[in-house]
């Protein structure tokens, strides 16, 4: 499974939508269940799944899913 497929599975689990399809331009506004709490849960699952640590500075720069995909790629 590649990074995008793995991230998509994380999103489907966290946002409780088994058919959610992520894309590079997607933002929090595009996902109805994306709240501050689900955001924190999603970041924690990303860190645990990919065995990476994201800094607050890195997280603040994230504007869309493509930014997160790029950051994960850089970290692993």
Protein backbone atom coordinates (compact mmCIF):
# COMPACT_ATOMS: atom_id res chain seq x y z
CA UNK A 1 0.00 0.00 0.00
CA UNK A 2 1.37 3.41 -0.90
CA UNK A 3 1.30 6.58 1.20
CA UNK A 4 -1.87 7.98 -0.36
CA UNK A 5 -3.78 4.70 0.01
CA UNK A 6 -2.67 4.39 3.64
CA UNK A 7 -3.64 7.99 4.35
CA UNK A 8 -7.00 7.42 2.70
CA UNK A 9 -7.65 4.48 5.04
CA UNK A 10 -6.75 6.68 8.02
CA UNK A 11 -9.19 9.35 6.80
CA UNK A 12 -11.95 6.77 6.27
CA UNK A 13 -11.50 5.46 9.80
CA UNK A 14 -11.15 8.81 11.59
CA UNK A 15 -13.93 10.57 9.70
CA UNK A 16 -16.18 7.47 9.76
CA UNK A 17 -16.77 7.43 6.01
CA UNK A 18 -15.85 4.16 4.34
CA UNK A 19 -16.16 5.68 0.87
CA UNK A 20 -14.18 8.88 1.44
CA UNK A 21 -11.74 9.52 -1.40
CA UNK A 22 -8.91 11.93 -0.65
CA UNK A 23 -7.19 14.12 -3.20
CA UNK A 24 -4.30 16.56 -3.06
CA UNK A 25 -6.54 19.65 -3.09
CA UNK A 26 -8.89 18.46 -0.31
CA UNK A 27 -9.15 20.65 2.81
CA UNK A 28 -10.97 20.35 6.13
CA UNK A 29 -13.90 22.23 4.56
CA UNK A 30 -14.41 19.31 2.16
CA UNK A 31 -15.01 16.72 4.91
CA UNK A 32 -18.20 17.09 6.93
CA UNK A 33 -16.90 15.27 10.03
CA UNK A 34 -13.58 17.18 10.18
CA UNK A 35 -13.52 18.93 13.55
CA UNK A 36 -10.68 20.03 15.79
CA UNK A 37 -10.96 16.73 17.69
CA UNK A 38 -10.96 14.52 14.58
CA UNK A 39 -8.03 16.57 13.28
CA UNK A 40 -5.99 15.70 16.38
CA UNK A 41 -6.99 12.04 16.13
CA UNK A 42 -6.05 11.96 12.45
CA UNK A 43 -2.62 13.50 13.10
CA UNK A 44 -1.96 11.00 15.89
CA UNK A 45 -2.91 8.09 13.60
CA UNK A 46 -0.68 9.48 10.83
CA UNK A 47 2.26 9.72 13.23
CA UNK A 48 1.71 6.21 14.59
CA UNK A 49 1.05 4.58 11.22
CA UNK A 50 4.02 6.12 9.43
CA UNK A 51 6.22 6.15 12.56
CA UNK A 52 6.98 9.85 12.21
CA UNK A 53 6.70 12.91 14.45
CA UNK A 54 5.16 16.12 13.13
CA UNK A 55 6.11 19.41 14.75
CA UNK A 56 3.66 22.19 15.50
CA UNK A 57 5.49 24.38 12.98
CA UNK A 58 4.97 21.73 10.28
CA UNK A 59 1.32 21.24 11.20
CA UNK A 60 0.57 24.96 11.01
CA UNK A 61 1.84 25.05 7.42
CA UNK A 62 -0.57 22.31 6.27
CA UNK A 63 -3.36 23.78 4.17
CA UNK A 64 -4.54 20.77 2.16
CA UNK A 65 -4.17 16.99 1.99
CA UNK A 66 -1.45 17.32 -0.65
CA UNK A 67 0.69 19.22 1.85
CA UNK A 68 0.28 16.37 4.34
CA UNK A 69 1.17 13.78 1.70
CA UNK A 70 4.33 15.74 0.82
CA UNK A 71 5.30 16.09 4.49
CA UNK A 72 4.83 12.36 5.15
CA UNK A 73 6.99 11.56 2.11
CA UNK A 74 9.74 13.86 3.40
CA UNK A 75 9.64 12.28 6.87
CA UNK A 76 9.81 8.60 5.90
